[in-house]
Protein backbone atom coordinates (compact mmCIF):
# COMPACT_ATOMS: atom_id res chain seq x y z
CA MET A 1 25.34 33.49 18.74
CA SER A 2 25.53 29.88 19.95
CA LYS A 3 21.76 29.79 20.51
CA TRP A 4 21.14 30.82 16.89
CA SER A 5 23.54 28.23 15.51
CA ASN A 6 21.90 25.47 17.57
CA ASN A 7 18.51 26.28 16.06
CA LEU A 8 20.03 26.22 12.59
CA ALA A 9 21.62 22.82 13.24
CA THR A 10 18.33 21.23 14.30
CA LYS A 11 16.56 22.69 11.30
CA HIS A 12 19.04 21.01 8.97
CA CYS A 13 18.89 17.69 10.79
CA VAL A 14 15.13 17.51 10.42
CA GLY A 15 15.27 18.63 6.80
CA TRP A 16 17.63 15.87 5.74
CA TYR A 17 15.89 13.04 7.55
CA GLU A 18 13.44 11.44 5.15
CA HIS A 19 12.61 7.82 5.79
CA HIS A 20 9.60 6.28 4.13
CA GLU A 21 8.27 2.91 5.13
CA GLU A 22 5.61 1.16 3.16
CA THR A 23 2.42 1.18 5.17
CA PRO A 24 -0.58 -1.12 4.71
CA LEU A 25 -2.55 1.84 3.37
CA ASP A 26 0.11 2.47 0.69
CA VAL A 27 -0.04 -1.14 -0.47
CA LEU A 28 -3.83 -1.13 -0.40
CA GLU A 29 -4.04 2.02 -2.53
CA VAL A 30 -1.62 0.56 -5.08
CA PHE A 31 -3.65 -2.65 -5.18
CA VAL A 32 -6.94 -0.79 -5.67
CA ASN A 33 -5.40 1.22 -8.52
CA TRP A 34 -4.03 -2.02 -10.00
CA THR A 35 -7.49 -3.63 -9.95
CA LYS A 36 -8.97 -0.55 -11.63
CA THR A 37 -6.40 -0.62 -14.43
CA ARG A 38 -7.05 -4.35 -14.92
CA HIS A 39 -10.83 -3.72 -14.91
CA LEU A 40 -11.34 -6.18 -12.05
CA ARG A 41 -14.73 -5.29 -10.59
CA SER A 42 -15.84 -8.62 -9.14
CA TYR A 43 -15.39 -8.90 -5.39
CA ILE A 44 -15.70 -12.67 -5.72
CA LYS A 45 -12.76 -12.89 -8.12
CA ILE A 46 -10.62 -10.58 -5.99
CA ALA A 47 -11.53 -12.54 -2.85
CA GLU A 48 -10.38 -15.75 -4.55
CA MET A 49 -7.10 -14.13 -5.60
CA LEU A 50 -6.35 -12.90 -2.08
CA HIS A 51 -7.81 -15.93 -0.25
CA VAL A 52 -10.14 -13.77 1.85
CA THR A 53 -13.91 -13.68 2.25
CA ARG A 54 -16.08 -11.73 -0.18
CA ASN A 55 -17.04 -9.23 2.50
CA GLU A 56 -13.39 -8.66 3.40
CA ALA A 57 -12.52 -8.09 -0.28
CA LYS A 58 -15.30 -5.53 -0.56
CA ARG A 59 -14.09 -3.73 2.58
CA LEU A 60 -10.53 -3.68 1.26
CA LEU A 61 -11.52 -2.28 -2.13
CA ASP A 62 -13.70 0.36 -0.51
CA LEU A 63 -10.73 1.31 1.74
CA ALA A 64 -12.89 0.60 4.77
CA ALA A 65 -10.41 -1.81 6.37
CA LEU A 66 -6.64 -2.17 6.36
CA PRO A 67 -5.15 -5.50 5.30
CA ASP A 68 -3.14 -7.68 7.63
CA ASP A 69 0.43 -8.78 6.90
CA VAL A 70 -0.55 -11.98 5.10
CA THR A 71 -3.01 -10.17 2.85
CA ILE A 72 -0.41 -7.51 2.05
CA LYS A 73 2.01 -10.22 0.99
CA ARG A 74 -0.66 -11.80 -1.23
CA MET A 75 -1.52 -8.43 -2.78
CA LYS A 76 2.10 -7.89 -3.73
CA GLU A 77 2.38 -11.41 -5.15
CA VAL A 78 -0.79 -11.00 -7.21
CA MET A 79 0.35 -7.64 -8.59
CA ASN A 80 3.83 -8.97 -9.43
CA ARG A 81 2.44 -12.11 -11.04
CA GLY A 82 -0.04 -10.00 -13.02
CA ALA A 83 2.73 -7.70 -14.19
CA LEU A 84 4.79 -10.68 -15.34
CA GLU A 85 1.84 -12.19 -17.23
CA ALA A 86 1.23 -8.90 -19.04
CA ASP A 87 4.81 -8.83 -20.41
């Protein structure tokens, strides 16, 4: 009986533990969707907004590369500033 109850206890512990951290891929996908809703197609314009090279902007929008911490911060700032300008 104690063996069965131990298995049940671990099943409940795993079931209740849900911790979600924001990954660079999550932020990148939100940014790509944001650019699509804003109809931003120019890699040059996006590169200027994020302060990265044109090639890096193209790689980010094609989901070919993950952004670094500084670029993630800039993406969030650009999206927040864009949301405030729309209101």
